[in-house]
Amino acid sequence: VFVVSRIKEAHDRGLETRAAISYGI
């Protein structure tokens, strides 16, 4: 939940998925 929440947070702000994954992790 903690990691995916950060990934989704970045994705919702406009990052494409792979960049959001990198940022979230």
PDB file of all heavy atoms in Angstrom:
ATOM      1  N   VAL A   1       0.833  -1.198   0.000  1.00  0.00           N
ATOM      2  CA  VAL A   1       0.000   0.000   0.000  1.00  0.00           C
ATOM      3  C   VAL A   1       0.871   1.253   0.000  1.00  0.00           C
ATOM      4  O   VAL A   1       0.611   2.217  -0.741  1.00  0.00           O
ATOM      5  CB  VAL A   1      -0.952   0.003   1.213  1.00  0.00           C
ATOM      6  CG1 VAL A   1      -1.645   1.351   1.365  1.00  0.00           C
ATOM      7  CG2 VAL A   1      -1.992  -1.099   1.069  1.00  0.00           C
ATOM      8  N   PHE A   2       1.923   1.248   0.808  1.00  0.00           N
ATOM      9  CA  PHE A   2       2.776   2.421   0.928  1.00  0.00           C
ATOM     10  C   PHE A   2       3.484   2.734  -0.392  1.00  0.00           C
ATOM     11  O   PHE A   2       3.506   3.886  -0.854  1.00  0.00           O
ATOM     12  CB  PHE A   2       3.797   2.192   2.036  1.00  0.00           C
ATOM     13  CG  PHE A   2       4.594   3.413   2.381  1.00  0.00           C
ATOM     14  CD1 PHE A   2       4.009   4.487   3.032  1.00  0.00           C
ATOM     15  CD2 PHE A   2       5.935   3.493   2.060  1.00  0.00           C
ATOM     16  CE1 PHE A   2       4.745   5.616   3.348  1.00  0.00           C
ATOM     17  CE2 PHE A   2       6.681   4.616   2.374  1.00  0.00           C
ATOM     18  CZ  PHE A   2       6.079   5.680   3.021  1.00  0.00           C
ATOM     19  N   VAL A   3       4.060   1.689  -1.012  1.00  0.00           N
ATOM     20  CA  VAL A   3       4.807   1.893  -2.259  1.00  0.00           C
ATOM     21  C   VAL A   3       3.867   2.245  -3.403  1.00  0.00           C
ATOM     22  O   VAL A   3       4.102   3.206  -4.145  1.00  0.00           O
ATOM     23  CB  VAL A   3       5.633   0.633  -2.599  1.00  0.00           C
ATOM     24  CG1 VAL A   3       6.299   0.792  -3.957  1.00  0.00           C
ATOM     25  CG2 VAL A   3       6.691   0.379  -1.534  1.00  0.00           C
ATOM     26  N   VAL A   4       2.787   1.472  -3.567  1.00  0.00           N
ATOM     27  CA  VAL A   4       1.879   1.706  -4.688  1.00  0.00           C
ATOM     28  C   VAL A   4       1.170   3.054  -4.535  1.00  0.00           C
ATOM     29  O   VAL A   4       0.857   3.720  -5.532  1.00  0.00           O
ATOM     30  CB  VAL A   4       0.867   0.548  -4.823  1.00  0.00           C
ATOM     31  CG1 VAL A   4      -0.145   0.839  -5.927  1.00  0.00           C
ATOM     32  CG2 VAL A   4       1.597  -0.749  -5.129  1.00  0.00           C
ATOM     33  N   SER A   5       0.922   3.486  -3.304  1.00  0.00           N
ATOM     34  CA  SER A   5       0.311   4.805  -3.095  1.00  0.00           C
ATOM     35  C   SER A   5       1.199   5.902  -3.663  1.00  0.00           C
ATOM     36  O   SER A   5       0.711   6.853  -4.291  1.00  0.00           O
ATOM     37  CB  SER A   5       0.074   5.050  -1.602  1.00  0.00           C
ATOM     38  OG  SER A   5      -0.913   4.187  -1.094  1.00  0.00           O
ATOM     39  N   ARG A   6       2.521   5.788  -3.456  1.00  0.00           N
ATOM     40  CA  ARG A   6       3.440   6.793  -3.991  1.00  0.00           C
ATOM     41  C   ARG A   6       3.505   6.720  -5.516  1.00  0.00           C
ATOM     42  O   ARG A   6       3.618   7.744  -6.201  1.00  0.00           O
ATOM     43  CB  ARG A   6       4.833   6.615  -3.390  1.00  0.00           C
ATOM     44  CG  ARG A   6       4.931   6.960  -1.915  1.00  0.00           C
ATOM     45  CD  ARG A   6       4.646   8.422  -1.648  1.00  0.00           C
ATOM     46  NE  ARG A   6       5.773   9.284  -1.943  1.00  0.00           N
ATOM     47  CZ  ARG A   6       6.688   9.648  -1.043  1.00  0.00           C
ATOM     48  NH1 ARG A   6       6.593   9.228   0.208  1.00  0.00           N
ATOM     49  NH2 ARG A   6       7.682  10.439  -1.381  1.00  0.00           N
ATOM     50  N   ILE A   7       3.444   5.502  -6.053  1.00  0.00           N
ATOM     51  CA  ILE A   7       3.456   5.355  -7.512  1.00  0.00           C
ATOM     52  C   ILE A   7       2.200   5.984  -8.112  1.00  0.00           C
ATOM     53  O   ILE A   7       2.265   6.738  -9.086  1.00  0.00           O
ATOM     54  CB  ILE A   7       3.552   3.864  -7.899  1.00  0.00           C
ATOM     55  CG1 ILE A   7       4.904   3.284  -7.455  1.00  0.00           C
ATOM     56  CG2 ILE A   7       3.370   3.678  -9.401  1.00  0.00           C
ATOM     57  CD1 ILE A   7       5.030   1.785  -7.637  1.00  0.00           C
ATOM     58  N   LYS A   8       1.051   5.682  -7.508  1.00  0.00           N
ATOM     59  CA  LYS A   8      -0.219   6.228  -8.012  1.00  0.00           C
ATOM     60  C   LYS A   8      -0.258   7.751  -7.846  1.00  0.00           C
ATOM     61  O   LYS A   8      -0.767   8.473  -8.710  1.00  0.00           O
ATOM     62  CB  LYS A   8      -1.396   5.595  -7.285  1.00  0.00           C
ATOM     63  CG  LYS A   8      -2.761   5.980  -7.869  1.00  0.00           C
ATOM     64  CD  LYS A   8      -3.881   5.200  -7.202  1.00  0.00           C
ATOM     65  CE  LYS A   8      -5.208   5.465  -7.915  1.00  0.00           C
ATOM     66  NZ  LYS A   8      -5.626   6.857  -7.882  1.00  0.00           N
ATOM     67  N   GLU A   9       0.296   8.220  -6.740  1.00  0.00           N
ATOM     68  CA  GLU A   9       0.338   9.668  -6.494  1.00  0.00           C
ATOM     69  C   GLU A   9       1.107  10.370  -7.609  1.00  0.00           C
ATOM     70  O   GLU A   9       0.669  11.406  -8.139  1.00  0.00           O
ATOM     71  CB  GLU A   9       1.005   9.910  -5.140  1.00  0.00           C
ATOM     72  CG  GLU A   9       1.075  11.356  -4.703  1.00  0.00           C
ATOM     73  CD  GLU A   9       1.824  11.504  -3.390  1.00  0.00           C
ATOM     74  OE1 GLU A   9       1.706  10.605  -2.523  1.00  0.00           O
ATOM     75  OE2 GLU A   9       2.547  12.503  -3.241  1.00  0.00           O
ATOM     76  N   ALA A  10       2.267   9.799  -7.995  1.00  0.00           N
ATOM     77  CA  ALA A  10       3.067  10.387  -9.072  1.00  0.00           C
ATOM     78  C   ALA A  10       2.347  10.273 -10.412  1.00  0.00           C
ATOM     79  O   ALA A  10       2.368  11.203 -11.227  1.00  0.00           O
ATOM     80  CB  ALA A  10       4.427   9.697  -9.141  1.00  0.00           C
ATOM     81  N   HIS A  11       1.702   9.136 -10.644  1.00  0.00           N
ATOM     82  CA  HIS A  11       0.973   8.941 -11.902  1.00  0.00           C
ATOM     83  C   HIS A  11      -0.189   9.920 -12.013  1.00  0.00           C
ATOM     84  O   HIS A  11      -0.449  10.488 -13.086  1.00  0.00           O
ATOM     85  CB  HIS A  11       0.470   7.500 -11.992  1.00  0.00           C
ATOM     86  CG  HIS A  11      -0.225   7.182 -13.283  1.00  0.00           C
ATOM     87  ND1 HIS A  11      -1.590   7.281 -13.443  1.00  0.00           N
ATOM     88  CD2 HIS A  11       0.268   6.782 -14.489  1.00  0.00           C
ATOM     89  CE1 HIS A  11      -1.915   6.955 -14.675  1.00  0.00           C
ATOM     90  NE2 HIS A  11      -0.805   6.642 -15.336  1.00  0.00           N
ATOM     91  N   ASP A  12      -0.898  10.144 -10.907  1.00  0.00           N
ATOM     92  CA  ASP A  12      -2.029  11.078 -10.926  1.00  0.00           C
ATOM     93  C   ASP A  12      -1.580  12.516 -11.200  1.00  0.00           C
ATOM     94  O   ASP A  12      -2.374  13.344 -11.650  1.00  0.00           O
ATOM     95  CB  ASP A  12      -2.786  11.018  -9.591  1.00  0.00           C
ATOM     96  CG  ASP A  12      -3.555   9.711  -9.424  1.00  0.00           C
ATOM     97  OD1 ASP A  12      -3.718   8.993 -10.437  1.00  0.00           O
ATOM     98  OD2 ASP A  12      -3.976   9.407  -8.289  1.00  0.00           O
ATOM     99  N   ARG A  13      -0.303  12.800 -10.910  1.00  0.00           N
ATOM    100  CA  ARG A  13       0.211  14.152 -11.148  1.00  0.00           C
ATOM    101  C   ARG A  13       0.739  14.339 -12.568  1.00  0.00           C
ATOM    102  O   ARG A  13       1.220  15.411 -12.902  1.00  0.00           O
ATOM    103  CB  ARG A  13       1.321  14.469 -10.156  1.00  0.00           C
ATOM    104  CG  ARG A  13       0.824  14.601  -8.732  1.00  0.00           C
ATOM    105  CD  ARG A  13       1.980  14.952  -7.832  1.00  0.00           C
ATOM    106  NE  ARG A  13       1.550  15.032  -6.446  1.00  0.00           N
ATOM    107  CZ  ARG A  13       2.355  15.335  -5.443  1.00  0.00           C
ATOM    108  NH1 ARG A  13       3.620  15.594  -5.678  1.00  0.00           N
ATOM    109  NH2 ARG A  13       1.904  15.385  -4.213  1.00  0.00           N
ATOM    110  N   GLY A  14       0.692  13.274 -13.370  1.00  0.00           N
ATOM    111  CA  GLY A  14       1.068  13.436 -14.765  1.00  0.00           C
ATOM    112  C   GLY A  14       2.226  12.600 -15.247  1.00  0.00           C
ATOM    113  O   GLY A  14       2.529  12.596 -16.438  1.00  0.00           O
ATOM    114  N   LEU A  15       2.909  11.875 -14.369  1.00  0.00           N
ATOM    115  CA  LEU A  15       4.018  11.028 -14.814  1.00  0.00           C
ATOM    116  C   LEU A  15       3.484   9.820 -15.572  1.00  0.00           C
ATOM    117  O   LEU A  15       2.470   9.234 -15.183  1.00  0.00           O
ATOM    118  CB  LEU A  15       4.840  10.541 -13.627  1.00  0.00           C
ATOM    119  CG  LEU A  15       5.816  11.524 -12.969  1.00  0.00           C
ATOM    120  CD1 LEU A  15       6.502  10.853 -11.798  1.00  0.00           C
ATOM    121  CD2 LEU A  15       6.836  12.026 -13.952  1.00  0.00           C
ATOM    122  N   GLU A  16       4.201   9.420 -16.639  1.00  0.00           N
ATOM    123  CA  GLU A  16       3.820   8.170 -17.287  1.00  0.00           C
ATOM    124  C   GLU A  16       4.207   7.011 -16.359  1.00  0.00           C
ATOM    125  O   GLU A  16       5.022   7.167 -15.453  1.00  0.00           O
ATOM    126  CB  GLU A  16       4.468   8.059 -18.668  1.00  0.00           C
ATOM    127  CG  GLU A  16       5.982   8.162 -18.700  1.00  0.00           C
ATOM    128  CD  GLU A  16       6.651   6.810 -18.626  1.00  0.00           C
ATOM    129  OE1 GLU A  16       5.950   5.793 -18.831  1.00  0.00           O
ATOM    130  OE2 GLU A  16       7.853   6.770 -18.358  1.00  0.00           O
ATOM    131  N   THR A  17       3.631   5.841 -16.609  1.00  0.00           N
ATOM    132  CA  THR A  17       3.679   4.750 -15.619  1.00  0.00           C
ATOM    133  C   THR A  17       5.092   4.358 -15.227  1.00  0.00           C
ATOM    134  O   THR A  17       5.398   4.217 -14.040  1.00  0.00           O
ATOM    135  CB  THR A  17       2.924   3.528 -16.156  1.00  0.00           C
ATOM    136  OG1 THR A  17       1.551   3.876 -16.323  1.00  0.00           O
ATOM    137  CG2 THR A  17       3.026   2.360 -15.187  1.00  0.00           C
ATOM    138  N   ARG A  18       5.986   4.162 -16.196  1.00  0.00           N
ATOM    139  CA  ARG A  18       7.333   3.697 -15.842  1.00  0.00           C
ATOM    140  C   ARG A  18       8.079   4.735 -15.011  1.00  0.00           C
ATOM    141  O   ARG A  18       8.781   4.400 -14.054  1.00  0.00           O
ATOM    142  CB  ARG A  18       8.122   3.357 -17.104  1.00  0.00           C
ATOM    143  CG  ARG A  18       9.493   2.747 -16.805  1.00  0.00           C
ATOM    144  CD  ARG A  18      10.088   2.052 -17.994  1.00  0.00           C
ATOM    145  NE  ARG A  18       9.291   0.895 -18.405  1.00  0.00           N
ATOM    146  CZ  ARG A  18       9.725  -0.027 -19.268  1.00  0.00           C
ATOM    147  NH1 ARG A  18      10.929   0.064 -19.792  1.00  0.00           N
ATOM    148  NH2 ARG A  18       8.955  -1.034 -19.606  1.00  0.00           N
ATOM    149  N   ALA A  19       7.919   6.017 -15.349  1.00  0.00           N
ATOM    150  CA  ALA A  19       8.555   7.071 -14.555  1.00  0.00           C
ATOM    151  C   ALA A  19       7.945   7.134 -13.161  1.00  0.00           C
ATOM    152  O   ALA A  19       8.646   7.354 -12.165  1.00  0.00           O
ATOM    153  CB  ALA A  19       8.412   8.415 -15.259  1.00  0.00           C
ATOM    154  N   ALA A  20       6.621   6.921 -13.077  1.00  0.00           N
ATOM    155  CA  ALA A  20       5.952   6.911 -11.771  1.00  0.00           C
ATOM    156  C   ALA A  20       6.444   5.753 -10.914  1.00  0.00           C
ATOM    157  O   ALA A  20       6.630   5.891  -9.701  1.00  0.00           O
ATOM    158  CB  ALA A  20       4.439   6.825 -11.962  1.00  0.00           C
ATOM    159  N   ILE A  21       6.663   4.596 -11.542  1.00  0.00           N
ATOM    160  CA  ILE A  21       7.183   3.429 -10.809  1.00  0.00           C
ATOM    161  C   ILE A  21       8.571   3.735 -10.267  1.00  0.00           C
ATOM    162  O   ILE A  21       8.878   3.475  -9.099  1.00  0.00           O
ATOM    163  CB  ILE A  21       7.223   2.189 -11.727  1.00  0.00           C
ATOM    164  CG1 ILE A  21       5.806   1.751 -12.101  1.00  0.00           C
ATOM    165  CG2 ILE A  21       7.962   1.039 -11.047  1.00  0.00           C
ATOM    166  CD1 ILE A  21       5.772   0.723 -13.213  1.00  0.00           C
ATOM    167  N   SER A  22       9.415   4.288 -11.131  1.00  0.00           N
ATOM    168  CA  SER A  22      10.770   4.630 -10.709  1.00  0.00           C
ATOM    169  C   SER A  22      10.738   5.612  -9.544  1.00  0.00           C
ATOM    170  O   SER A  22      11.436   5.435  -8.541  1.00  0.00           O
ATOM    171  CB  SER A  22      11.540   5.231 -11.890  1.00  0.00           C
ATOM    172  OG  SER A  22      12.831   5.635 -11.480  1.00  0.00           O
ATOM    173  N   TYR A  23       9.923   6.654  -9.670  1.00  0.00           N
ATOM    174  CA  TYR A  23       9.814   7.648  -8.594  1.00  0.00           C
ATOM    175  C   TYR A  23       9.274   7.021  -7.309  1.00  0.00           C
ATOM    176  O   TYR A  23       9.799   7.240  -6.216  1.00  0.00           O
ATOM    177  CB  TYR A  23       8.907   8.794  -9.046  1.00  0.00           C
ATOM    178  CG  TYR A  23       8.455   9.661  -7.890  1.00  0.00           C
ATOM    179  CD1 TYR A  23       9.331  10.543  -7.284  1.00  0.00           C
ATOM    180  CD2 TYR A  23       7.155   9.558  -7.394  1.00  0.00           C
ATOM    181  CE1 TYR A  23       8.937  11.311  -6.201  1.00  0.00           C
ATOM    182  CE2 TYR A  23       6.744  10.328  -6.321  1.00  0.00           C
ATOM    183  CZ  TYR A  23       7.635  11.205  -5.729  1.00  0.00           C
ATOM    184  OH  TYR A  23       7.238  11.952  -4.660  1.00  0.00           O
ATOM    185  N   GLY A  24       8.200   6.222  -7.443  1.00  0.00           N
ATOM    186  CA  GLY A  24       7.570   5.633  -6.256  1.00  0.00           C
ATOM    187  C   GLY A  24       8.491   4.698  -5.504  1.00  0.00           C
ATOM    188  O   GLY A  24       8.568   4.734  -4.275  1.00  0.00           O
ATOM    189  N   ILE A  25       9.215   3.850  -6.232  1.00  0.00           N
ATOM    190  CA  ILE A  25      10.132   2.903  -5.586  1.00  0.00           C
ATOM    191  C   ILE A  25      11.289   3.641  -4.933  1.00  0.00           C
ATOM    192  O   ILE A  25      11.649   3.380  -3.774  1.00  0.00           O
ATOM    193  CB  ILE A  25      10.670   1.879  -6.607  1.00  0.00           C
ATOM    194  CG1 ILE A  25       9.531   1.043  -7.204  1.00  0.00           C
ATOM    195  CG2 ILE A  25      11.710   0.973  -5.950  1.00  0.00           C
ATOM    196  CD1 ILE A  25       8.865   0.104  -6.255  1.00  0.00           C
TER     197      ILE A  25
END
